[in-house]
Each structure stands twice: as structure tokens, then as C-alpha cells.
């Protein structure tokens, strides 16, 4: 995701400096015009906007603590990693400790939309601070939904949205498996829902991948497994039943255990 976002920013003629804890992942962006930094502090030294696209809370905390004192004091830090409710509160507290202006711009979309500048951004934080990063949002996305003026509101909306993605992907795999097991061409399921009230462009996209049995990663299955855990934790703490989330967690875990953790989330269909 980070590489795709950086490419979209470069395409819109932003000055972009990149850094990755695995240097080989950042190096190819130099050919697109990015400056490749040697460490996190070097990456943010002249930044107006610092965009964090990392895997989990520990990674965000490590990078923030390594770079906090190196960025200009008027830089806006944009937390775009899916780290859940508790992780977000940890980062909010760290930002306050270091005097950092922090907002959220959670990303809905996968590798291809990131590369194409077609993400949906879910923002959280004071509107005035979000407005300051509007050129960045416009470069990487086609739609911005402001979830609220609290850093954490964007995360809450992202968790709700990813619960939908996890459910819809697994449900598509289940229906295709049922059709196949009962002696039908699974494409008939997609034909049946096409144009109806229950139709979904997403079901057709992931269904085609499932039927083909090839799963090049747009959104890695283990990444969504991590998110399901965060969603389940947040839902339970808020008093929402986790019955469906618990089942989803088991289904994605089964697919991961079968060797599909690094494949696209469409590989969840193999669990059926």
C-alpha cells in the first residue's frame, strides 16, 4: 500500500521522501522520482506531511518515536495504519507527548486502487488539520469521508468497513463452494445475483479470482486476519455480539493454516 500511495503522490508532482524498515521495498521508488531516506528521522526532516502506512501498533510506535524529534514542528502526521481502538489511543498519547499534530486518513482499497490514486479515505481529527492535508488526500484518493473530529473516529469507521469486507469475501467463497459441491458451475452463482438487489461488484471481482484459483495479493489474507482480531476486540468491548466475527476469524485462520496467509483475501474461499 505504501509504495502505491507514494507512486500516486509522485504522479501528482508532490515531493516525496520514502523510508521502509526493509530497504529493498523502498529502493524501486527512486526510479519514479522519490528520495529514499536512510532512516525514519531522515525521511521526515523536511516534511510538511508525514504519512504512516505500517502493519501494526508496534511498528507505528517504533517509527513515531524514532522520527518525532526530526520533523518540522508544523508538520501534520497522518496515521493510516489499521491498528484498532487501543493502538490508536496509544498513538494519540504519544503524539501529545511529542507535541505532534496528528490526524487519521484510513485507507479503503487494495494495492491496485493505491497505485491508481483511487482509494477512499476515512479521516478523523479536527477539520482544520484535515484540510491542511487535502492535497495529499486528493492525490491518493477519489473520495474522502470525514468520520469525526476525534482521532479514532477514522479507525472506528475503518473497522466497520473491514468487517463488511471480511464478511462479503467469505460469503462469496461459501456460495461458490456450495454451488460447486452440489454439481453446478460456480459461475452460475454470479450469474444468478447479477443485476439483482443482492448483486455486488465486489462479489464478482473476488468470485472470479476464487473460481480461477489464483490469488495474487491485493490485500494479504493475514493482514485481514489481523484486522478481524482488532474488530472483534473493539466490538466485544463495545457490547456488540462477536458471533459472526468469531466464525470469520476461524475461517480465515483455516485458509492461513493451509498456506494462504500471504495470498489475496480471496483465498479464504479455499477454507470451504
Protein backbone atom coordinates (compact mmCIF):
# COMPACT_ATOMS: atom_id res chain seq x y z
CA UNK A 1 0.00 0.00 0.00
CA UNK A 2 2.74 2.43 0.91
CA UNK A 3 4.52 2.01 -2.41
CA UNK A 4 1.29 2.53 -4.33
CA UNK A 5 0.45 5.66 -2.34
CA UNK A 6 3.95 7.06 -2.87
CA UNK A 7 3.61 6.44 -6.60
CA UNK A 8 0.30 8.29 -6.71
CA UNK A 9 1.80 11.26 -4.87
CA UNK A 10 4.72 11.35 -7.31
CA UNK A 11 2.36 11.19 -10.27
CA UNK A 12 0.64 14.32 -8.93
CA UNK A 13 4.05 16.02 -8.69
CA UNK A 14 4.44 16.05 -4.92
CA UNK A 15 7.95 15.94 -3.49
CA UNK A 16 8.10 12.54 -1.82
CA UNK A 17 10.66 11.05 0.55
CA UNK A 18 10.16 7.39 1.45
CA UNK A 19 11.55 5.05 4.05
CA UNK A 20 10.84 1.40 4.78
CA UNK A 21 12.19 -0.79 7.55
CA UNK A 22 13.02 -3.24 4.72
CA UNK A 23 15.17 -1.04 2.43
CA UNK A 24 14.66 -3.20 -0.67
CA UNK A 25 10.97 -2.31 -0.65
CA UNK A 26 11.62 1.41 -0.85
CA UNK A 27 14.51 1.36 -3.32
CA UNK A 28 12.41 0.93 -6.53
CA UNK A 29 10.58 4.20 -5.80
CA UNK A 30 13.77 6.11 -6.55
CA UNK A 31 13.23 5.28 -10.22
CA UNK A 32 9.86 7.06 -10.01
CA UNK A 33 11.42 10.19 -8.56
CA UNK A 34 11.20 9.63 -4.82
CA UNK A 35 14.04 10.38 -2.43
CA UNK A 36 14.86 7.22 -0.49
CA UNK A 37 15.83 8.03 3.10
CA UNK A 38 18.34 6.06 5.12
CA UNK A 39 16.31 6.12 8.33
CA UNK A 40 12.98 7.33 9.69
CA UNK A 41 14.38 10.59 11.02
CA UNK A 42 15.97 11.42 7.68
CA UNK A 43 12.64 10.74 5.95
CA UNK A 44 10.72 13.40 7.87
CA UNK A 45 13.35 16.12 8.15
CA UNK A 46 11.73 18.50 5.66
CA UNK A 47 8.20 17.13 5.68
CA UNK A 48 5.01 19.14 5.61
CA UNK A 49 3.01 15.89 5.87
CA UNK A 50 4.22 12.62 7.40
CA UNK A 51 2.20 9.65 6.20
CA UNK A 52 2.40 6.44 8.26
CA UNK A 53 1.38 3.26 6.41
CA UNK A 54 2.56 0.39 8.60
CA UNK A 55 1.37 -3.05 9.67
CA UNK A 56 0.57 -2.79 13.37
CA UNK A 57 0.73 -0.70 16.52
CA UNK A 58 4.28 -1.71 17.41
CA UNK A 59 5.54 -0.58 14.01
CA UNK A 60 3.75 2.77 14.24
CA UNK A 61 5.06 3.39 17.75
CA UNK A 62 8.64 2.47 16.77
CA UNK A 63 8.64 4.78 13.76
CA UNK A 64 6.95 7.64 15.57
CA UNK A 65 9.40 7.51 18.46
CA UNK A 66 12.37 7.28 16.10
CA UNK A 67 11.30 10.24 13.98
CA UNK A 68 9.23 12.52 16.22
CA UNK A 69 12.03 14.92 17.06
CA UNK A 70 13.26 15.17 13.48
CA UNK A 71 10.22 16.61 11.68
CA UNK A 72 9.35 20.31 11.46
CA UNK A 73 7.15 21.37 14.36
CA UNK A 74 4.33 22.42 12.00
CA UNK A 75 4.21 19.09 10.12
CA UNK A 76 0.93 17.15 10.12
CA UNK A 77 1.33 13.46 10.90
CA UNK A 78 -1.22 11.21 9.20
CA UNK A 79 -1.90 7.84 10.79
CA UNK A 80 -3.12 5.48 8.04
CA UNK A 81 -2.33 2.09 9.58
CA UNK A 82 -5.12 -0.22 10.78
CA UNK A 83 -4.17 -0.59 14.44
CA UNK A 84 -7.53 -0.73 16.20
CA UNK A 85 -9.01 1.26 19.03
CA UNK A 86 -6.37 0.60 21.68
CA UNK A 87 -3.49 1.05 19.26
CA UNK A 88 -4.90 4.37 18.10
CA UNK A 89 -5.19 5.61 21.68
CA UNK A 90 -1.54 4.68 22.25
CA UNK A 91 -0.51 6.70 19.22
CA UNK A 92 -2.70 9.65 20.25
CA UNK A 93 -0.96 9.70 23.64
CA UNK A 94 2.48 9.56 22.02
CA UNK A 95 1.58 12.39 19.65
CA UNK A 96 0.55 14.52 22.63
CA UNK A 97 3.80 13.65 24.39
CA UNK A 98 5.88 14.84 21.44
CA UNK A 99 3.70 17.82 20.52
CA UNK A 100 2.74 16.31 17.17
CA UNK A 101 -0.28 17.42 15.14
CA UNK A 102 -1.98 14.10 14.37
CA UNK A 103 -4.89 13.16 12.11
CA UNK A 104 -6.14 9.93 10.57
CA UNK A 105 -6.64 9.04 6.94
CA UNK A 106 -7.57 5.38 6.96
CA UNK A 107 -7.46 3.74 3.54
CA UNK A 108 -10.26 1.73 1.99
CA UNK A 109 -8.97 -0.10 -1.05
CA UNK A 110 -6.26 -2.53 -2.02
CA UNK A 111 -2.97 -2.47 -3.92
CA UNK A 112 -4.44 -1.51 -7.30
CA UNK A 113 -6.51 1.48 -6.07
CA UNK A 114 -3.49 2.66 -4.09
CA UNK A 115 -1.38 2.60 -7.25
CA UNK A 116 -4.13 4.34 -9.24
CA UNK A 117 -4.89 7.07 -6.72
CA UNK A 118 -8.40 5.70 -6.26
CA UNK A 119 -8.56 4.97 -2.56
CA UNK A 120 -11.39 6.04 -0.26
CA UNK A 121 -10.00 7.91 2.75
CA UNK A 122 -11.69 7.83 6.15
CA UNK A 123 -10.45 10.81 8.11
CA UNK A 124 -10.52 11.56 11.80
CA UNK A 125 -9.30 14.65 13.61
CA UNK A 126 -10.03 18.38 13.72
CA UNK A 127 -11.40 19.56 10.38
CA UNK A 128 -8.85 22.38 10.16
CA UNK A 129 -5.98 19.89 10.43
CA UNK A 130 -7.58 17.53 7.91
CA UNK A 131 -7.98 20.44 5.50
CA UNK A 132 -4.24 21.04 5.66
CA UNK A 133 -3.57 17.62 4.12
CA UNK A 134 -6.25 17.95 1.44
CA UNK A 135 -3.72 17.98 -1.46
CA UNK A 136 -2.38 14.63 -0.24
CA UNK A 137 -5.86 13.17 0.10
CA UNK A 138 -6.79 14.36 -3.39
CA UNK A 139 -3.65 12.79 -4.86
CA UNK A 140 -4.20 9.33 -3.42
CA UNK A 141 -7.99 9.03 -3.28
CA UNK A 142 -11.22 9.66 -5.14
CA UNK A 143 -13.41 10.05 -2.06
CA UNK A 144 -12.92 11.29 1.49
CA UNK A 145 -15.37 10.59 4.31
CA UNK A 146 -14.72 12.65 7.44
CA UNK A 147 -15.73 10.35 10.28
CA UNK A 148 -15.41 12.91 13.05
CA UNK A 149 -13.23 15.46 14.80
CA UNK A 150 -11.61 12.91 17.12
CA UNK A 151 -8.53 10.93 16.11
CA UNK A 152 -10.03 7.47 16.46
CA UNK A 153 -13.22 8.15 14.54
CA UNK A 154 -11.49 7.21 11.28
CA UNK A 155 -10.32 3.97 12.86
CA UNK A 156 -13.83 3.17 14.09
CA UNK A 157 -15.23 3.59 10.58
CA UNK A 158 -12.37 1.53 9.08
CA UNK A 159 -13.11 -1.34 11.47
CA UNK A 160 -16.79 -1.28 10.49
CA UNK A 161 -15.87 -1.23 6.80
CA UNK A 162 -13.34 -4.06 7.09
CA UNK A 163 -15.91 -6.18 8.94
CA UNK A 164 -18.06 -5.82 5.82
CA UNK A 165 -15.15 -6.72 3.51
CA UNK A 166 -14.28 -9.79 5.58
CA UNK A 167 -17.90 -10.92 5.66
CA UNK A 168 -18.61 -10.36 1.96
CA UNK A 169 -15.42 -12.07 0.81
CA UNK A 170 -16.04 -15.14 2.95
CA UNK A 171 -19.72 -15.28 1.97
CA UNK A 172 -18.78 -15.20 -1.71
CA UNK A 173 -16.41 -18.11 -1.20
CA UNK A 174 -19.05 -20.07 0.69
CA UNK A 175 -21.70 -19.64 -2.02
CA UNK A 176 -19.29 -20.63 -4.79
CA UNK A 177 -18.25 -23.70 -2.80
CA UNK A 178 -21.86 -24.74 -2.24
CA UNK A 179 -22.70 -24.39 -5.93
CA UNK A 180 -19.64 -26.43 -6.94
CA UNK A 181 -20.25 -29.12 -4.31
CA UNK A 182 -23.84 -29.56 -5.49
CA UNK A 183 -22.69 -30.21 -9.04
CA UNK A 184 -23.05 -26.76 -10.60
CA UNK A 185 -20.67 -24.49 -12.43
CA UNK A 186 -19.87 -21.90 -9.70
CA UNK A 187 -20.12 -19.12 -12.29
CA UNK A 188 -23.88 -19.71 -12.16
CA UNK A 189 -23.99 -18.18 -8.68
CA UNK A 190 -22.51 -14.93 -10.03
CA UNK A 191 -24.92 -15.07 -12.98
CA UNK A 192 -27.84 -15.51 -10.59
CA UNK A 193 -27.13 -12.42 -8.48
CA UNK A 194 -26.09 -10.19 -11.39
CA UNK A 195 -28.38 -7.19 -11.73
CA UNK A 196 -30.45 -8.12 -8.69
CA UNK A 197 -30.88 -6.26 -5.43
CA UNK A 198 -28.30 -8.58 -3.87
CA UNK A 199 -25.71 -8.02 -6.60
CA UNK A 200 -22.23 -6.81 -5.68
CA UNK A 201 -19.40 -5.75 -7.96
CA UNK A 202 -17.05 -6.86 -5.21
CA UNK A 203 -18.52 -10.39 -5.20
CA UNK A 204 -17.92 -10.63 -8.95
CA UNK A 205 -14.34 -9.38 -8.62
CA UNK A 206 -13.37 -11.72 -5.78
CA UNK A 207 -15.54 -14.53 -7.13
CA UNK A 208 -13.66 -14.51 -10.42
CA UNK A 209 -10.37 -14.85 -8.53
CA UNK A 210 -11.76 -17.70 -6.43
CA UNK A 211 -13.00 -19.57 -9.49
CA UNK A 212 -9.66 -19.12 -11.25
CA UNK A 213 -7.85 -20.43 -8.16
CA UNK A 214 -5.06 -17.86 -8.49
CA UNK A 215 -4.60 -15.43 -5.60
CA UNK A 216 -2.05 -12.66 -6.32
CA UNK A 217 -2.17 -10.46 -3.25
CA UNK A 218 -4.07 -7.19 -3.42
CA UNK A 219 -4.86 -7.41 0.30
CA UNK A 220 -2.99 -10.21 2.05
CA UNK A 221 -5.16 -12.67 3.93
CA UNK A 222 -3.06 -12.49 7.10
CA UNK A 223 -3.46 -8.70 7.06
CA UNK A 224 -7.24 -9.07 7.14
CA UNK A 225 -6.90 -11.76 9.83
CA UNK A 226 -5.09 -9.17 11.95
CA UNK A 227 -7.88 -6.69 11.29
CA UNK A 228 -10.59 -9.21 12.22
CA UNK A 229 -8.88 -9.61 15.58
CA UNK A 230 -8.93 -5.83 16.11
CA UNK A 231 -12.58 -5.62 15.02
CA UNK A 232 -13.57 -8.47 17.35
CA UNK A 233 -11.79 -6.82 20.27
CA UNK A 234 -13.43 -3.45 19.62
CA UNK A 235 -16.89 -4.93 19.07
CA UNK A 236 -16.73 -7.02 22.23
CA UNK A 237 -15.59 -4.06 24.31
CA UNK A 238 -18.49 -2.00 22.92
CA UNK A 239 -21.08 -4.67 23.73
CA UNK A 240 -21.65 -5.87 20.15
CA UNK A 241 -22.08 -9.61 19.64
CA UNK A 242 -18.98 -11.18 18.08
CA UNK A 243 -20.68 -14.39 16.93
CA UNK A 244 -20.16 -13.70 13.23
CA UNK A 245 -16.70 -12.20 13.77
CA UNK A 246 -15.62 -15.28 15.71
CA UNK A 247 -16.72 -17.51 12.83
CA UNK A 248 -14.94 -15.30 10.31
CA UNK A 249 -11.78 -15.46 12.38
CA UNK A 250 -11.85 -19.25 12.26
CA UNK A 251 -12.48 -19.40 8.51
CA UNK A 252 -9.62 -17.02 7.68
CA UNK A 253 -7.38 -18.87 10.14
CA UNK A 254 -8.14 -22.15 8.34
CA UNK A 255 -7.14 -20.61 5.00
CA UNK A 256 -3.96 -19.20 6.51
CA UNK A 257 -3.05 -22.53 8.10
CA UNK A 258 -3.39 -24.12 4.66
CA UNK A 259 -0.64 -21.84 3.36
CA UNK A 260 -2.63 -18.87 2.04
CA UNK A 261 -1.63 -16.22 4.58
CA UNK A 262 0.35 -14.24 2.03
CA UNK A 263 -2.21 -14.67 -0.74
CA UNK A 264 -5.10 -12.36 -1.51
CA UNK A 265 -8.06 -12.44 0.85
CA UNK A 266 -9.99 -14.23 -1.91
CA UNK A 267 -8.08 -17.34 -0.84
CA UNK A 268 -10.50 -17.56 2.09
CA UNK A 269 -12.70 -19.46 -0.36
CA UNK A 270 -10.32 -22.42 -0.07
CA UNK A 271 -11.42 -22.88 3.54
CA UNK A 272 -14.80 -24.13 2.35
